[in-house]
Amino acid sequence: MQSLKTFSLWFIVALTLSSAAGCSSWVYRINIPQGNFLEQSDVEKLRVNMTREQVIYVLGRPIAEDAFDKNTWRYVYSFNKGRQNEQHKELIINFENEKLVTLSGDYEQPKNFNTPLEQ
């Protein structure tokens, strides 16, 4: 008889805790931006044949660098507002012979991108 009461008590506690776990949407979560935040005005400063140092000066260093492909840099930014409204932006920069060759992603290519900087 005593073991039935103990089992019933543990069952009620487990049921209560699992029910409370379903209420996790009530918990406030802080919106934390992650990655490299870039604006289109920053991307507008990029030109073909820029060196890696010049790109770092304009955009900063990418947060995550690919260990297997040193010629591709990815600038990724995500910001989760609430549960459904996630902002995600990415800029992919490709180098050849230590010079900027192409860029792609969620940003518009600069109008003067194909005009190299004066040396």
PDB file of N, CA and C in Angstrom:
ATOM      1  N   MET A   1       0.810  -1.190   0.000  1.00  0.00           N
ATOM      2  CA  MET A   1       0.000   0.000   0.000  1.00  0.00           C
ATOM      3  C   MET A   1       0.862   1.267   0.000  1.00  0.00           C
ATOM      4  N   GLN A   2       1.953   1.220   0.783  1.00  0.00           N
ATOM      5  CA  GLN A   2       2.849   2.368   0.871  1.00  0.00           C
ATOM      6  C   GLN A   2       3.524   2.619  -0.478  1.00  0.00           C
ATOM      7  N   SER A   3       3.907   1.551  -1.187  1.00  0.00           N
ATOM      8  CA  SER A   3       4.584   1.733  -2.475  1.00  0.00           C
ATOM      9  C   SER A   3       3.625   2.326  -3.515  1.00  0.00           C
ATOM     10  N   LEU A   4       2.343   2.032  -3.446  1.00  0.00           N
ATOM     11  CA  LEU A   4       1.363   2.608  -4.357  1.00  0.00           C
ATOM     12  C   LEU A   4       1.233   4.112  -4.130  1.00  0.00           C
ATOM     13  N   LYS A   5       1.271   4.556  -2.865  1.00  0.00           N
ATOM     14  CA  LYS A   5       1.217   5.979  -2.559  1.00  0.00           C
ATOM     15  C   LYS A   5       2.479   6.685  -3.052  1.00  0.00           C
ATOM     16  N   THR A   6       3.626   6.047  -2.868  1.00  0.00           N
ATOM     17  CA  THR A   6       4.889   6.628  -3.328  1.00  0.00           C
ATOM     18  C   THR A   6       4.896   6.745  -4.851  1.00  0.00           C
ATOM     19  N   PHE A   7       4.439   5.671  -5.504  1.00  0.00           N
ATOM     20  CA  PHE A   7       4.377   5.693  -6.964  1.00  0.00           C
ATOM     21  C   PHE A   7       3.424   6.779  -7.456  1.00  0.00           C
ATOM     22  N   SER A   8       2.290   6.921  -6.798  1.00  0.00           N
ATOM     23  CA  SER A   8       1.312   7.940  -7.180  1.00  0.00           C
ATOM     24  C   SER A   8       1.881   9.337  -6.997  1.00  0.00           C
ATOM     25  N   LEU A   9       2.617   9.536  -5.912  1.00  0.00           N
ATOM     26  CA  LEU A   9       3.231  10.840  -5.654  1.00  0.00           C
ATOM     27  C   LEU A   9       4.251  11.182  -6.751  1.00  0.00           C
ATOM     28  N   TRP A  10       5.110  10.225  -7.075  1.00  0.00           N
ATOM     29  CA  TRP A  10       6.118  10.461  -8.114  1.00  0.00           C
ATOM     30  C   TRP A  10       5.474  10.668  -9.483  1.00  0.00           C
ATOM     31  N   PHE A  11       4.387   9.959  -9.741  1.00  0.00           N
ATOM     32  CA  PHE A  11       3.677  10.121 -10.995  1.00  0.00           C
ATOM     33  C   PHE A  11       3.082  11.521 -11.116  1.00  0.00           C
ATOM     34  N   ILE A  12       2.505  12.008 -10.045  1.00  0.00           N
ATOM     35  CA  ILE A  12       1.918  13.357 -10.040  1.00  0.00           C
ATOM     36  C   ILE A  12       3.005  14.412 -10.203  1.00  0.00           C
ATOM     37  N   VAL A  13       4.148  14.235  -9.538  1.00  0.00           N
ATOM     38  CA  VAL A  13       5.259  15.183  -9.666  1.00  0.00           C
ATOM     39  C   VAL A  13       5.780  15.199 -11.106  1.00  0.00           C
ATOM     40  N   ALA A  14       5.961  14.015 -11.697  1.00  0.00           N
ATOM     41  CA  ALA A  14       6.443  13.930 -13.080  1.00  0.00           C
ATOM     42  C   ALA A  14       5.451  14.553 -14.050  1.00  0.00           C
ATOM     43  N   LEU A  15       4.173  14.320 -13.841  1.00  0.00           N
ATOM     44  CA  LEU A  15       3.139  14.895 -14.693  1.00  0.00           C
ATOM     45  C   LEU A  15       3.109  16.412 -14.580  1.00  0.00           C
ATOM     46  N   THR A  16       3.262  16.924 -13.374  1.00  0.00           N
ATOM     47  CA  THR A  16       3.273  18.373 -13.152  1.00  0.00           C
ATOM     48  C   THR A  16       4.487  19.017 -13.823  1.00  0.00           C
ATOM     49  N   LEU A  17       5.662  18.402 -13.677  1.00  0.00           N
ATOM     50  CA  LEU A  17       6.875  18.956 -14.282  1.00  0.00           C
ATOM     51  C   LEU A  17       6.812  18.921 -15.804  1.00  0.00           C
ATOM     52  N   SER A  18       6.298  17.853 -16.365  1.00  0.00           N
ATOM     53  CA  SER A  18       6.202  17.786 -17.826  1.00  0.00           C
ATOM     54  C   SER A  18       5.174  18.774 -18.354  1.00  0.00           C
ATOM     55  N   SER A  19       4.121  19.029 -17.591  1.00  0.00           N
ATOM     56  CA  SER A  19       3.136  20.035 -17.994  1.00  0.00           C
ATOM     57  C   SER A  19       3.742  21.432 -17.940  1.00  0.00           C
ATOM     58  N   ALA A  20       4.549  21.690 -16.932  1.00  0.00           N
ATOM     59  CA  ALA A  20       5.195  23.003 -16.804  1.00  0.00           C
ATOM     60  C   ALA A  20       6.224  23.213 -17.904  1.00  0.00           C
ATOM     61  N   ALA A  21       6.861  22.148 -18.379  1.00  0.00           N
ATOM     62  CA  ALA A  21       7.840  22.273 -19.458  1.00  0.00           C
ATOM     63  C   ALA A  21       7.172  22.722 -20.749  1.00  0.00           C
ATOM     64  N   GLY A  22       5.927  22.408 -20.927  1.00  0.00           N
ATOM     65  CA  GLY A  22       5.194  22.839 -22.109  1.00  0.00           C
ATOM     66  C   GLY A  22       4.894  24.318 -22.110  1.00  0.00           C
ATOM     67  N   CYS A  23       5.105  24.990 -21.012  1.00  0.00           N
ATOM     68  CA  CYS A  23       4.836  26.423 -20.900  1.00  0.00           C
ATOM     69  C   CYS A  23       6.087  27.252 -21.169  1.00  0.00           C
ATOM     70  N   SER A  24       7.065  26.697 -21.855  1.00  0.00           N
ATOM     71  CA  SER A  24       8.329  27.403 -22.046  1.00  0.00           C
ATOM     72  C   SER A  24       8.194  28.623 -22.937  1.00  0.00           C
ATOM     73  N   SER A  25       7.092  28.761 -23.679  1.00  0.00           N
ATOM     74  CA  SER A  25       6.922  29.953 -24.507  1.00  0.00           C
ATOM     75  C   SER A  25       6.669  31.189 -23.650  1.00  0.00           C
ATOM     76  N   TRP A  26       6.404  31.022 -22.396  1.00  0.00           N
ATOM     77  CA  TRP A  26       6.199  32.148 -21.502  1.00  0.00           C
ATOM     78  C   TRP A  26       7.513  32.753 -21.043  1.00  0.00           C
ATOM     79  N   VAL A  27       8.591  32.056 -21.247  1.00  0.00           N
ATOM     80  CA  VAL A  27       9.898  32.522 -20.796  1.00  0.00           C
ATOM     81  C   VAL A  27      10.393  33.615 -21.732  1.00  0.00           C
ATOM     82  N   TYR A  28      10.841  34.723 -21.175  1.00  0.00           N
ATOM     83  CA  TYR A  28      11.371  35.825 -21.971  1.00  0.00           C
ATOM     84  C   TYR A  28      12.766  35.473 -22.458  1.00  0.00           C
ATOM     85  N   ARG A  29      13.001  35.667 -23.734  1.00  0.00           N
ATOM     86  CA  ARG A  29      14.321  35.417 -24.304  1.00  0.00           C
ATOM     87  C   ARG A  29      14.849  36.711 -24.903  1.00  0.00           C
ATOM     88  N   ILE A  30      16.086  37.018 -24.601  1.00  0.00           N
ATOM     89  CA  ILE A  30      16.710  38.233 -25.086  1.00  0.00           C
ATOM     90  C   ILE A  30      17.069  38.060 -26.555  1.00  0.00           C
ATOM     91  N   ASN A  31      16.799  39.070 -27.373  1.00  0.00           N
ATOM     92  CA  ASN A  31      17.178  39.049 -28.778  1.00  0.00           C
ATOM     93  C   ASN A  31      18.660  39.380 -28.891  1.00  0.00           C
ATOM     94  N   ILE A  32      19.451  38.419 -29.342  1.00  0.00           N
ATOM     95  CA  ILE A  32      20.890  38.598 -29.425  1.00  0.00           C
ATOM     96  C   ILE A  32      21.328  38.501 -30.883  1.00  0.00           C
ATOM     97  N   PRO A  33      21.870  39.591 -31.440  1.00  0.00           N
ATOM     98  CA  PRO A  33      22.387  39.509 -32.809  1.00  0.00           C
ATOM     99  C   PRO A  33      23.674  38.688 -32.828  1.00  0.00           C
ATOM    100  N   GLN A  34      23.834  37.889 -33.880  1.00  0.00           N
ATOM    101  CA  GLN A  34      25.011  37.040 -33.982  1.00  0.00           C
ATOM    102  C   GLN A  34      25.646  37.218 -35.350  1.00  0.00           C
ATOM    103  N   GLY A  35      26.960  37.290 -35.388  1.00  0.00           N
ATOM    104  CA  GLY A  35      27.684  37.365 -36.646  1.00  0.00           C
ATOM    105  C   GLY A  35      28.162  38.764 -36.955  1.00  0.00           C
ATOM    106  N   ASN A  36      28.402  39.009 -38.242  1.00  0.00           N
ATOM    107  CA  ASN A  36      28.898  40.286 -38.735  1.00  0.00           C
ATOM    108  C   ASN A  36      27.729  41.117 -39.253  1.00  0.00           C
ATOM    109  N   PHE A  37      27.430  42.226 -38.579  1.00  0.00           N
ATOM    110  CA  PHE A  37      26.385  43.122 -39.067  1.00  0.00           C
ATOM    111  C   PHE A  37      27.001  44.051 -40.100  1.00  0.00           C
ATOM    112  N   LEU A  38      26.505  43.965 -41.331  1.00  0.00           N
ATOM    113  CA  LEU A  38      26.992  44.816 -42.414  1.00  0.00           C
ATOM    114  C   LEU A  38      25.828  45.621 -42.964  1.00  0.00           C
ATOM    115  N   GLU A  39      26.119  46.828 -43.384  1.00  0.00           N
ATOM    116  CA  GLU A  39      25.131  47.645 -44.064  1.00  0.00           C
ATOM    117  C   GLU A  39      25.526  47.740 -45.530  1.00  0.00           C
ATOM    118  N   GLN A  40      24.552  48.062 -46.371  1.00  0.00           N
ATOM    119  CA  GLN A  40      24.828  48.173 -47.801  1.00  0.00           C
ATOM    120  C   GLN A  40      25.881  49.242 -48.066  1.00  0.00           C
ATOM    121  N   SER A  41      25.910  50.291 -47.248  1.00  0.00           N
ATOM    122  CA  SER A  41      26.914  51.356 -47.434  1.00  0.00           C
ATOM    123  C   SER A  41      28.336  50.825 -47.223  1.00  0.00           C
ATOM    124  N   ASP A  42      28.504  49.831 -46.360  1.00  0.00           N
ATOM    125  CA  ASP A  42      29.821  49.215 -46.177  1.00  0.00           C
ATOM    126  C   ASP A  42      30.201  48.390 -47.402  1.00  0.00           C
ATOM    127  N   VAL A  43      29.250  47.649 -47.930  1.00  0.00           N
ATOM    128  CA  VAL A  43      29.500  46.804 -49.097  1.00  0.00           C
ATOM    129  C   VAL A  43      29.799  47.657 -50.320  1.00  0.00           C
ATOM    130  N   GLU A  44      29.211  48.858 -50.393  1.00  0.00           N
ATOM    131  CA  GLU A  44      29.440  49.771 -51.525  1.00  0.00           C
ATOM    132  C   GLU A  44      30.904  50.181 -51.640  1.00  0.00           C
ATOM    133  N   LYS A  45      31.666  50.065 -50.585  1.00  0.00           N
ATOM    134  CA  LYS A  45      33.076  50.477 -50.600  1.00  0.00           C
ATOM    135  C   LYS A  45      33.997  49.416 -51.205  1.00  0.00           C
ATOM    136  N   LEU A  46      33.481  48.224 -51.461  1.00  0.00           N
ATOM    137  CA  LEU A  46      34.308  47.148 -52.000  1.00  0.00           C
ATOM    138  C   LEU A  46      34.552  47.340 -53.492  1.00  0.00           C
ATOM    139  N   ARG A  47      35.781  47.021 -53.923  1.00  0.00           N
ATOM    140  CA  ARG A  47      36.176  47.093 -55.329  1.00  0.00           C
ATOM    141  C   ARG A  47      36.948  45.837 -55.693  1.00  0.00           C
ATOM    142  N   VAL A  48      36.881  45.481 -56.958  1.00  0.00           N
ATOM    143  CA  VAL A  48      37.639  44.342 -57.453  1.00  0.00           C
ATOM    144  C   VAL A  48      39.134  44.623 -57.261  1.00  0.00           C
ATOM    145  N   ASN A  49      39.904  43.592 -57.036  1.00  0.00           N
ATOM    146  CA  ASN A  49      41.366  43.641 -56.834  1.00  0.00           C
ATOM    147  C   ASN A  49      41.789  44.248 -55.501  1.00  0.00           C
ATOM    148  N   MET A  50      40.858  44.412 -54.558  1.00  0.00           N
ATOM    149  CA  MET A  50      41.260  44.851 -53.214  1.00  0.00           C
ATOM    150  C   MET A  50      42.004  43.708 -52.535  1.00  0.00           C
ATOM    151  N   THR A  51      42.972  44.033 -51.692  1.00  0.00           N
ATOM    152  CA  THR A  51      43.704  43.015 -50.942  1.00  0.00           C
ATOM    153  C   THR A  51      42.861  42.572 -49.747  1.00  0.00           C
ATOM    154  N   ARG A  52      43.286  41.500 -49.127  1.00  0.00           N
ATOM    155  CA  ARG A  52      42.582  41.013 -47.934  1.00  0.00           C
ATOM    156  C   ARG A  52      42.605  42.059 -46.824  1.00  0.00           C
ATOM    157  N   GLU A  53      43.732  42.741 -46.679  1.00  0.00           N
ATOM    158  CA  GLU A  53      43.847  43.762 -45.639  1.00  0.00           C
ATOM    159  C   GLU A  53      42.879  44.914 -45.886  1.00  0.00           C
ATOM    160  N   GLN A  54      42.703  45.290 -47.143  1.00  0.00           N
ATOM    161  CA  GLN A  54      41.762  46.363 -47.462  1.00  0.00           C
ATOM    162  C   GLN A  54      40.321  45.938 -47.160  1.00  0.00           C
ATOM    163  N   VAL A  55      39.990  44.688 -47.466  1.00  0.00           N
ATOM    164  CA  VAL A  55      38.646  44.187 -47.171  1.00  0.00           C
ATOM    165  C   VAL A  55      38.417  44.153 -45.659  1.00  0.00           C
ATOM    166  N   ILE A  56      39.434  43.737 -44.907  1.00  0.00           N
ATOM    167  CA  ILE A  56      39.326  43.729 -43.443  1.00  0.00           C
ATOM    168  C   ILE A  56      39.136  45.153 -42.922  1.00  0.00           C
ATOM    169  N   TYR A  57      39.821  46.114 -43.523  1.00  0.00           N
ATOM    170  CA  TYR A  57      39.680  47.508 -43.104  1.00  0.00           C
ATOM    171  C   TYR A  57      38.257  48.006 -43.330  1.00  0.00           C
ATOM    172  N   VAL A  58      37.630  47.597 -44.446  1.00  0.00           N
ATOM    173  CA  VAL A  58      36.287  48.068 -44.782  1.00  0.00           C
ATOM    174  C   VAL A  58      35.212  47.317 -44.001  1.00  0.00           C
ATOM    175  N   LEU A  59      35.298  45.971 -43.957  1.00  0.00           N
ATOM    176  CA  LEU A  59      34.225  45.162 -43.376  1.00  0.00           C
ATOM    177  C   LEU A  59      34.560  44.535 -42.028  1.00  0.00           C
ATOM    178  N   GLY A  60      35.821  44.482 -41.692  1.00  0.00           N
ATOM    179  CA  GLY A  60      36.227  43.753 -40.499  1.00  0.00           C
ATOM    180  C   GLY A  60      36.485  42.301 -40.857  1.00  0.00           C
ATOM    181  N   ARG A  61      36.963  41.547 -39.905  1.00  0.00           N
ATOM    182  CA  ARG A  61      37.250  40.131 -40.127  1.00  0.00           C
ATOM    183  C   ARG A  61      35.970  39.313 -40.044  1.00  0.00           C
ATOM    184  N   PRO A  62      35.810  38.308 -40.905  1.00  0.00           N
ATOM    185  CA  PRO A  62      34.630  37.455 -40.767  1.00  0.00           C
ATOM    186  C   PRO A  62      34.698  36.667 -39.465  1.00  0.00           C
ATOM    187  N   ILE A  63      33.554  36.458 -38.839  1.00  0.00           N
ATOM    188  CA  ILE A  63      33.503  35.751 -37.562  1.00  0.00           C
ATOM    189  C   ILE A  63      34.021  34.330 -37.696  1.00  0.00           C
ATOM    190  N   ALA A  64      33.554  33.623 -38.717  1.00  0.00           N
ATOM    191  CA  ALA A  64      33.959  32.227 -38.913  1.00  0.00           C
ATOM    192  C   ALA A  64      34.683  32.102 -40.249  1.00  0.00           C
ATOM    193  N   GLU A  65      35.902  31.593 -40.208  1.00  0.00           N
ATOM    194  CA  GLU A  65      36.657  31.385 -41.433  1.00  0.00           C
ATOM    195  C   GLU A  65      36.691  29.902 -41.747  1.00  0.00           C
ATOM    196  N   ASP A  66      36.598  29.587 -43.024  1.00  0.00           N
ATOM    197  CA  ASP A  66      36.606  28.204 -43.477  1.00  0.00           C
ATOM    198  C   ASP A  66      38.044  27.685 -43.458  1.00  0.00           C
ATOM    199  N   ALA A  67      38.286  26.631 -42.715  1.00  0.00           N
ATOM    200  CA  ALA A  67      39.634  26.077 -42.601  1.00  0.00           C
ATOM    201  C   ALA A  67      40.066  25.364 -43.882  1.00  0.00           C
ATOM    202  N   PHE A  68      39.114  24.979 -44.717  1.00  0.00           N
ATOM    203  CA  PHE A  68      39.441  24.223 -45.922  1.00  0.00           C
ATOM    204  C   PHE A  68      39.496  25.087 -47.172  1.00  0.00           C
ATOM    205  N   ASP A  69      38.930  26.278 -47.136  1.00  0.00           N
ATOM    206  CA  ASP A  69      38.922  27.159 -48.300  1.00  0.00           C
ATOM    207  C   ASP A  69      39.320  28.560 -47.850  1.00  0.00           C
ATOM    208  N   LYS A  70      40.589  28.863 -47.955  1.00  0.00           N
ATOM    209  CA  LYS A  70      41.105  30.166 -47.499  1.00  0.00           C
ATOM    210  C   LYS A  70      40.739  31.300 -48.452  1.00  0.00           C
ATOM    211  N   ASN A  71      40.254  30.969 -49.657  1.00  0.00           N
ATOM    212  CA  ASN A  71      39.937  31.996 -50.643  1.00  0.00           C
ATOM    213  C   ASN A  71      38.483  32.461 -50.591  1.00  0.00           C
ATOM    214  N   THR A  72      37.689  31.916 -49.689  1.00  0.00           N
ATOM    215  CA  THR A  72      36.293  32.315 -49.553  1.00  0.00           C
ATOM    216  C   THR A  72      36.031  32.771 -48.127  1.00  0.00           C
ATOM    217  N   TRP A  73      35.516  33.988 -48.010  1.00  0.00           N
ATOM    218  CA  TRP A  73      35.115  34.512 -46.708  1.00  0.00           C
ATOM    219  C   TRP A  73      33.607  34.661 -46.697  1.00  0.00           C
ATOM    220  N   ARG A  74      32.995  34.293 -45.584  1.00  0.00           N
ATOM    221  CA  ARG A  74      31.545  34.411 -45.418  1.00  0.00           C
ATOM    222  C   ARG A  74      31.251  35.329 -44.233  1.00  0.00           C
ATOM    223  N   TYR A  75      30.554  36.394 -44.524  1.00  0.00           N
ATOM    224  CA  TYR A  75      30.079  37.295 -43.483  1.00  0.00           C
ATOM    225  C   TYR A  75      28.604  36.953 -43.261  1.00  0.00           C
ATOM    226  N   VAL A  76      28.283  36.353 -42.131  1.00  0.00           N
ATOM    227  CA  VAL A  76      26.931  35.894 -41.847  1.00  0.00           C
ATOM    228  C   VAL A  76      26.399  36.661 -40.638  1.00  0.00           C
ATOM    229  N   TYR A  77      25.142  37.078 -40.739  1.00  0.00           N
ATOM    230  CA  TYR A  77      24.489  37.806 -39.649  1.00  0.00           C
ATOM    231  C   TYR A  77      23.101  37.226 -39.448  1.00  0.00           C
ATOM    232  N   SER A  78      22.749  36.957 -38.209  1.00  0.00           N
ATOM    233  CA  SER A  78      21.380  36.526 -37.910  1.00  0.00           C
ATOM    234  C   SER A  78      20.904  37.210 -36.637  1.00  0.00           C
ATOM    235  N   PHE A  79      19.619  37.532 -36.646  1.00  0.00           N
ATOM    236  CA  PHE A  79      18.995  38.193 -35.512  1.00  0.00           C
ATOM    237  C   PHE A  79      17.591  37.638 -35.387  1.00  0.00           C
ATOM    238  N   ASN A  80      17.290  37.050 -34.253  1.00  0.00           N
ATOM    239  CA  ASN A  80      16.009  36.404 -34.047  1.00  0.00           C
ATOM    240  C   ASN A  80      15.133  37.291 -33.182  1.00  0.00           C
ATOM    241  N   LYS A  81      14.151  37.944 -33.816  1.00  0.00           N
ATOM    242  CA  LYS A  81      13.173  38.755 -33.075  1.00  0.00           C
ATOM    243  C   LYS A  81      11.966  37.882 -32.816  1.00  0.00           C
ATOM    244  N   GLY A  82      11.762  37.514 -31.593  1.00  0.00           N
ATOM    245  CA  GLY A  82      10.650  36.628 -31.282  1.00  0.00           C
ATOM    246  C   GLY A  82      10.947  35.223 -31.765  1.00  0.00           C
ATOM    247  N   ARG A  83       9.927  34.479 -32.046  1.00  0.00           N
ATOM    248  CA  ARG A  83      10.127  33.086 -32.448  1.00  0.00           C
ATOM    249  C   ARG A  83      10.039  32.876 -33.952  1.00  0.00           C
ATOM    250  N   GLN A  84       9.324  33.734 -34.661  1.00  0.00           N
ATOM    251  CA  GLN A  84       9.133  33.519 -36.086  1.00  0.00           C
ATOM    252  C   GLN A  84       9.901  34.517 -36.953  1.00  0.00           C
ATOM    253  N   ASN A  85      10.264  35.654 -36.435  1.00  0.00           N
ATOM    254  CA  ASN A  85      10.848  36.728 -37.241  1.00  0.00           C
ATOM    255  C   ASN A  85      12.365  36.713 -37.179  1.00  0.00           C
ATOM    256  N   GLU A  86      12.983  35.830 -37.928  1.00  0.00           N
ATOM    257  CA  GLU A  86      14.442  35.776 -37.932  1.00  0.00           C
ATOM    258  C   GLU A  86      14.971  36.508 -39.151  1.00  0.00           C
ATOM    259  N   GLN A  87      15.936  37.389 -38.919  1.00  0.00           N
ATOM    260  CA  GLN A  87      16.625  38.068 -40.007  1.00  0.00           C
ATOM    261  C   GLN A  87      17.923  37.325 -40.261  1.00  0.00           C
ATOM    262  N   HIS A  88      18.201  37.056 -41.515  1.00  0.00           N
ATOM    263  CA  HIS A  88      19.424  36.340 -41.872  1.00  0.00           C
ATOM    264  C   HIS A  88      20.007  36.979 -43.117  1.00  0.00           C
ATOM    265  N   LYS A  89      21.261  37.418 -43.046  1.00  0.00           N
ATOM    266  CA  LYS A  89      21.941  38.015 -44.191  1.00  0.00           C
ATOM    267  C   LYS A  89      23.322  37.387 -44.317  1.00  0.00           C
ATOM    268  N   GLU A  90      23.767  37.268 -45.570  1.00  0.00           N
ATOM    269  CA  GLU A  90      25.060  36.645 -45.826  1.00  0.00           C
ATOM    270  C   GLU A  90      25.736  37.360 -46.992  1.00  0.00           C
ATOM    271  N   LEU A  91      27.043  37.547 -46.864  1.00  0.00           N
ATOM    272  CA  LEU A  91      27.871  38.094 -47.928  1.00  0.00           C
ATOM    273  C   LEU A  91      29.038  37.136 -48.122  1.00  0.00           C
ATOM    274  N   ILE A  92      29.225  36.670 -49.348  1.00  0.00           N
ATOM    275  CA  ILE A  92      30.298  35.723 -49.659  1.00  0.00           C
ATOM    276  C   ILE A  92      31.302  36.438 -50.551  1.00  0.00           C
ATOM    277  N   ILE A  93      32.555  36.455 -50.114  1.00  0.00           N
ATOM    278  CA  ILE A  93      33.621  37.130 -50.836  1.00  0.00           C
ATOM    279  C   ILE A  93      34.635  36.090 -51.287  1.00  0.00           C
ATOM    280  N   ASN A  94      35.035  36.160 -52.555  1.00  0.00           N
ATOM    281  CA  ASN A  94      36.012  35.222 -53.102  1.00  0.00           C
ATOM    282  C   ASN A  94      37.276  35.961 -53.513  1.00  0.00           C
ATOM    283  N   PHE A  95      38.398  35.366 -53.156  1.00  0.00           N
ATOM    284  CA  PHE A  95      39.704  35.906 -53.504  1.00  0.00           C
ATOM    285  C   PHE A  95      40.401  34.978 -54.490  1.00  0.00           C
ATOM    286  N   GLU A  96      41.249  35.569 -55.328  1.00  0.00           N
ATOM    287  CA  GLU A  96      42.123  34.816 -56.207  1.00  0.00           C
ATOM    288  C   GLU A  96      43.451  35.539 -56.211  1.00  0.00           C
ATOM    289  N   ASN A  97      44.536  34.830 -55.929  1.00  0.00           N
ATOM    290  CA  ASN A  97      45.867  35.428 -55.846  1.00  0.00           C
ATOM    291  C   ASN A  97      45.895  36.610 -54.879  1.00  0.00           C
ATOM    292  N   GLU A  98      45.252  36.427 -53.735  1.00  0.00           N
ATOM    293  CA  GLU A  98      45.213  37.428 -52.655  1.00  0.00           C
ATOM    294  C   GLU A  98      44.472  38.706 -53.037  1.00  0.00           C
ATOM    295  N   LYS A  99      43.676  38.695 -54.103  1.00  0.00           N
ATOM    296  CA  LYS A  99      42.906  39.866 -54.534  1.00  0.00           C
ATOM    297  C   LYS A  99      41.424  39.511 -54.589  1.00  0.00           C
ATOM    298  N   LEU A 100      40.567  40.472 -54.259  1.00  0.00           N
ATOM    299  CA  LEU A 100      39.121  40.285 -54.311  1.00  0.00           C
ATOM    300  C   LEU A 100      38.669  40.121 -55.754  1.00  0.00           C
ATOM    301  N   VAL A 101      37.896  39.055 -56.010  1.00  0.00           N
ATOM    302  CA  VAL A 101      37.447  38.768 -57.377  1.00  0.00           C
ATOM    303  C   VAL A 101      35.934  38.918 -57.506  1.00  0.00           C
ATOM    304  N   THR A 102      35.187  38.242 -56.633  1.00  0.00           N
ATOM    305  CA  THR A 102      33.730  38.292 -56.724  1.00  0.00           C
ATOM    306  C   THR A 102      33.109  38.422 -55.340  1.00  0.00           C
ATOM    307  N   LEU A 103      31.883  38.885 -55.333  1.00  0.00           N
ATOM    308  CA  LEU A 103      31.093  38.865 -54.108  1.00  0.00           C
ATOM    309  C   LEU A 103      29.666  38.505 -54.481  1.00  0.00           C
ATOM    310  N   SER A 104      28.999  37.815 -53.556  1.00  0.00           N
ATOM    311  CA  SER A 104      27.618  37.398 -53.777  1.00  0.00           C
ATOM    312  C   SER A 104      26.923  37.326 -52.431  1.00  0.00           C
ATOM    313  N   GLY A 105      25.630  37.096 -52.467  1.00  0.00           N
ATOM    314  CA  GLY A 105      24.878  36.970 -51.224  1.00  0.00           C
ATOM    315  C   GLY A 105      23.651  37.843 -51.220  1.00  0.00           C
ATOM    316  N   ASP A 106      23.264  38.287 -50.030  1.00  0.00           N
ATOM    317  CA  ASP A 106      22.027  39.034 -49.838  1.00  0.00           C
ATOM    318  C   ASP A 106      22.179  40.545 -50.027  1.00  0.00           C
ATOM    319  N   TYR A 107      23.359  41.002 -50.354  1.00  0.00           N
ATOM    320  CA  TYR A 107      23.602  42.426 -50.563  1.00  0.00           C
ATOM    321  C   TYR A 107      23.736  42.695 -52.058  1.00  0.00           C
ATOM    322  N   GLU A 108      23.377  43.909 -52.467  1.00  0.00           N
ATOM    323  CA  GLU A 108      23.531  44.281 -53.871  1.00  0.00           C
ATOM    324  C   GLU A 108      24.998  44.517 -54.179  1.00  0.00           C
ATOM    325  N   GLN A 109      25.401  44.117 -55.375  1.00  0.00           N
ATOM    326  CA  GLN A 109      26.777  44.367 -55.786  1.00  0.00           C
ATOM    327  C   GLN A 109      26.939  45.860 -56.034  1.00  0.00           C
ATOM    328  N   PRO A 110      28.031  46.449 -55.541  1.00  0.00           N
ATOM    329  CA  PRO A 110      28.241  47.888 -55.738  1.00  0.00           C
ATOM    330  C   PRO A 110      28.312  48.238 -57.225  1.00  0.00           C
ATOM    331  N   LYS A 111      27.822  49.425 -57.557  1.00  0.00           N
ATOM    332  CA  LYS A 111      27.843  49.871 -58.956  1.00  0.00           C
ATOM    333  C   LYS A 111      29.262  49.989 -59.486  1.00  0.00           C
ATOM    334  N   ASN A 112      30.180  50.429 -58.642  1.00  0.00           N
ATOM    335  CA  ASN A 112      31.571  50.627 -59.057  1.00  0.00           C
ATOM    336  C   ASN A 112      32.458  49.442 -58.698  1.00  0.00           C
ATOM    337  N   PHE A 113      31.872  48.279 -58.456  1.00  0.00           N
ATOM    338  CA  PHE A 113      32.660  47.130 -58.007  1.00  0.00           C
ATOM    339  C   PHE A 113      33.732  46.738 -59.021  1.00  0.00           C
ATOM    340  N   ASN A 114      33.431  46.804 -60.313  1.00  0.00           N
ATOM    341  CA  ASN A 114      34.378  46.374 -61.343  1.00  0.00           C
ATOM    342  C   ASN A 114      35.416  47.439 -61.691  1.00  0.00           C
ATOM    343  N   THR A 115      35.378  48.575 -61.008  1.00  0.00           N
ATOM    344  CA  THR A 115      36.385  49.612 -61.188  1.00  0.00           C
ATOM    345  C   THR A 115      37.396  49.510 -60.051  1.00  0.00           C
ATOM    346  N   PRO A 116      38.628  49.072 -60.357  1.00  0.00           N
ATOM    347  CA  PRO A 116      39.612  48.916 -59.269  1.00  0.00           C
ATOM    348  C   PRO A 116      39.981  50.255 -58.642  1.00  0.00           C
ATOM    349  N   LEU A 117      40.428  50.203 -57.397  1.00  0.00           N
ATOM    350  CA  LEU A 117      40.924  51.395 -56.727  1.00  0.00           C
ATOM    351  C   LEU A 117      42.218  51.826 -57.383  1.00  0.00           C
ATOM    352  N   GLU A 118      42.503  53.109 -57.331  1.00  0.00           N
ATOM    353  CA  GLU A 118      43.770  53.603 -57.895  1.00  0.00           C
ATOM    354  C   GLU A 118      44.905  53.136 -57.026  1.00  0.00           C
ATOM    355  N   GLN A 119      45.934  52.656 -57.641  1.00  0.00           N
ATOM    356  CA  GLN A 119      47.086  52.138 -56.893  1.00  0.00           C
ATOM    357  C   GLN A 119      48.093  53.209 -56.611  1.00  0.00           C
TER     358      GLN A 119
END
